[in-house]
């Protein structure tokens, strides 16, 4: 049996957030989004009503990603106009 394969790494998440940043008119500058969600950043300079928050989940696989996927999503969506 050969050596174990290294986990696949993809730059797709970075491409996706880059495209969303372009569409929402955001700069590359980020600030922490919320102290309850330390893996999340808010991109700055976005168009009004088009915020962009990115939460890093690399290495979590296809887990439920709680609490980001529950409280974090709710906090983000409920703040939109």
Protein backbone atom coordinates (compact mmCIF):
# COMPACT_ATOMS: atom_id res chain seq x y z
CA UNK A 1 0.00 0.00 0.00
CA UNK A 2 1.37 3.47 -0.91
CA UNK A 3 1.44 6.63 1.16
CA UNK A 4 -1.82 8.30 2.09
CA UNK A 5 -2.98 10.94 -0.35
CA UNK A 6 -2.88 14.52 0.86
CA UNK A 7 -6.29 16.15 1.22
CA UNK A 8 -7.38 18.08 -1.82
CA UNK A 9 -7.14 21.83 -1.47
CA UNK A 10 -9.09 24.06 -3.76
CA UNK A 11 -8.85 27.75 -4.44
CA UNK A 12 -12.53 27.72 -5.43
CA UNK A 13 -13.68 29.41 -2.19
CA UNK A 14 -11.25 32.27 -2.83
CA UNK A 15 -12.48 32.60 -6.40
CA UNK A 16 -16.08 32.69 -5.18
CA UNK A 17 -15.48 35.32 -2.51
CA UNK A 18 -13.45 37.34 -5.03
CA UNK A 19 -16.34 37.31 -7.48
CA UNK A 20 -18.86 38.23 -4.78
CA UNK A 21 -16.57 41.05 -3.70
CA UNK A 22 -16.53 42.38 -7.27
CA UNK A 23 -20.30 42.11 -7.66
CA UNK A 24 -20.95 43.84 -4.32
CA UNK A 25 -18.37 46.57 -4.95
CA UNK A 26 -16.32 45.66 -1.86
CA UNK A 27 -12.65 46.39 -1.34
CA UNK A 28 -10.12 43.75 -0.28
CA UNK A 29 -10.03 45.24 3.23
CA UNK A 30 -11.68 43.13 5.92
CA UNK A 31 -12.53 43.66 9.55
CA UNK A 32 -13.69 41.12 12.13
CA UNK A 33 -17.43 40.64 11.64
CA UNK A 34 -18.57 39.60 15.10
CA UNK A 35 -16.74 38.47 18.22
CA UNK A 36 -19.05 35.44 18.48
CA UNK A 37 -17.79 34.25 15.07
CA UNK A 38 -14.00 34.72 15.05
CA UNK A 39 -13.60 32.91 11.72
CA UNK A 40 -15.78 35.47 9.92
CA UNK A 41 -14.70 38.75 8.34
CA UNK A 42 -16.73 41.59 6.86
CA UNK A 43 -15.45 43.08 3.60
CA UNK A 44 -15.38 46.87 3.58
CA UNK A 45 -16.57 49.43 1.03
CA UNK A 46 -19.45 47.30 -0.27
CA UNK A 47 -22.42 48.95 -1.95
CA UNK A 48 -25.25 49.91 0.42
CA UNK A 49 -27.46 46.88 1.19
CA UNK A 50 -24.87 44.48 -0.32
CA UNK A 51 -22.68 43.43 2.62
CA UNK A 52 -20.24 40.57 2.28
CA UNK A 53 -19.29 38.42 5.23
CA UNK A 54 -16.91 35.48 4.70
CA UNK A 55 -16.55 32.68 7.24
CA UNK A 56 -13.58 30.36 6.82
CA UNK A 57 -14.57 26.72 7.24
CA UNK A 58 -11.58 24.99 5.63
CA UNK A 59 -10.85 21.70 7.32
CA UNK A 60 -14.38 21.29 8.68
CA UNK A 61 -15.46 19.05 5.82
CA UNK A 62 -19.17 18.68 5.27
CA UNK A 63 -20.03 19.13 8.91
CA UNK A 64 -22.98 21.20 10.03
CA UNK A 65 -20.58 24.07 10.88
CA UNK A 66 -22.64 25.05 13.90
CA UNK A 67 -22.88 27.81 15.14
CA UNK A 68 -21.92 29.62 11.92
CA UNK A 69 -24.63 27.82 9.95
CA UNK A 70 -27.32 28.57 12.50
CA UNK A 71 -26.80 31.66 14.64
CA UNK A 72 -24.30 33.27 12.24
CA UNK A 73 -26.52 32.93 9.16
CA UNK A 74 -29.54 34.19 11.10
CA UNK A 75 -27.62 37.20 12.40
CA UNK A 76 -26.47 38.06 8.87
CA UNK A 77 -29.82 37.55 7.11
CA UNK A 78 -31.89 39.27 9.78
CA UNK A 79 -29.70 42.40 9.52
CA UNK A 80 -30.45 42.87 5.82
CA UNK A 81 -33.02 45.51 4.84
